[in-house]
Amino acid sequence: MEVEVRVFATLRKYLNEQGILQLRVEEGTTIRDLIKQLQLPEKEITIIMVNGVRGELDQILESGDRAAFFPPIGGG
């Protein structure tokens, strides 16, 4: 099955300049599995979204899902 992965801000350095990737994964793949497969530092991810809704590390992905990862966001 195929999923879309998006990373933002400082996490882009771990994926690519655009921060977007189409990826084939096995049935039953969780968000945590995806993070490990992409070698993203789990401790740097503070927000996970799946199809625009807050996601969890143990959530199982479905074909066509869009997973987005955000680092801590600062501002003022």
Protein backbone atom coordinates (compact mmCIF):
# COMPACT_ATOMS: atom_id res chain seq x y z
CA MET A 1 0.00 0.00 0.00
CA GLU A 2 1.09 3.59 -0.46
CA VAL A 3 1.00 6.54 1.94
CA GLU A 4 2.05 10.17 1.68
CA VAL A 5 4.45 11.53 4.27
CA ARG A 6 4.97 15.22 4.98
CA VAL A 7 7.49 16.68 7.37
CA PHE A 8 7.76 20.31 8.38
CA ALA A 9 10.34 22.84 9.54
CA THR A 10 13.49 21.29 11.02
CA LEU A 11 12.35 17.73 10.20
CA ARG A 12 12.81 18.37 6.46
CA LYS A 13 16.54 17.76 6.78
CA TYR A 14 15.74 14.08 7.44
CA LEU A 15 13.55 13.59 4.36
CA ASN A 16 14.02 15.97 1.44
CA GLU A 17 13.89 19.67 0.64
CA GLN A 18 10.19 19.56 -0.28
CA GLY A 19 9.30 17.62 2.84
CA ILE A 20 6.93 15.34 0.89
CA LEU A 21 7.34 11.68 0.02
CA GLN A 22 5.12 8.96 -1.47
CA LEU A 23 6.08 5.71 0.22
CA ARG A 24 5.14 2.05 -0.10
CA VAL A 25 4.59 0.37 3.27
CA GLU A 26 3.38 -3.04 4.42
CA GLU A 27 -0.18 -3.65 5.61
CA GLY A 28 -0.36 -3.10 9.37
CA THR A 29 2.33 -0.39 9.42
CA THR A 30 1.93 1.99 12.36
CA ILE A 31 3.00 5.60 12.63
CA ARG A 32 5.88 4.46 14.88
CA ASP A 33 6.97 1.93 12.21
CA LEU A 34 6.90 4.69 9.60
CA ILE A 35 9.02 6.99 11.77
CA LYS A 36 11.58 4.20 12.23
CA GLN A 37 11.58 3.32 8.53
CA LEU A 38 12.29 6.95 7.59
CA GLN A 39 14.88 7.25 10.37
CA LEU A 40 13.16 10.31 11.80
CA PRO A 41 14.10 11.18 15.39
CA GLU A 42 10.93 10.37 17.34
CA LYS A 43 11.94 12.73 20.16
CA GLU A 44 11.87 15.67 17.71
CA ILE A 45 8.27 15.00 16.64
CA THR A 46 5.69 16.72 18.81
CA ILE A 47 2.62 16.70 16.56
CA ILE A 48 1.41 13.85 14.34
CA MET A 49 -1.46 14.32 11.93
CA VAL A 50 -3.09 11.61 9.82
CA ASN A 51 -5.46 12.89 7.12
CA GLY A 52 -5.70 16.22 8.95
CA VAL A 53 -6.63 14.68 12.31
CA ARG A 54 -4.37 14.24 15.33
CA GLY A 55 -2.64 10.85 15.11
CA GLU A 56 -1.02 8.49 17.60
CA LEU A 57 2.22 6.51 17.40
CA ASP A 58 0.42 3.14 17.51
CA GLN A 59 -2.16 4.12 14.86
CA ILE A 60 -2.23 1.71 11.92
CA LEU A 61 -2.00 3.38 8.53
CA GLU A 62 -4.40 2.66 5.67
CA SER A 63 -3.64 2.86 1.96
CA GLY A 64 -3.82 6.47 0.77
CA ASP A 65 -3.33 8.00 4.23
CA ARG A 66 -1.43 11.27 4.58
CA ALA A 67 0.85 11.38 7.62
CA ALA A 68 2.36 14.69 8.71
CA PHE A 69 5.04 15.23 11.35
CA PHE A 70 5.79 18.53 13.10
CA PRO A 71 8.67 19.43 15.41
CA PRO A 72 8.24 21.72 18.43
CA ILE A 73 7.02 25.05 17.14
CA GLY A 74 8.30 28.28 18.67
CA GLY A 75 7.09 31.77 18.17
CA GLY A 76 6.35 34.94 19.89
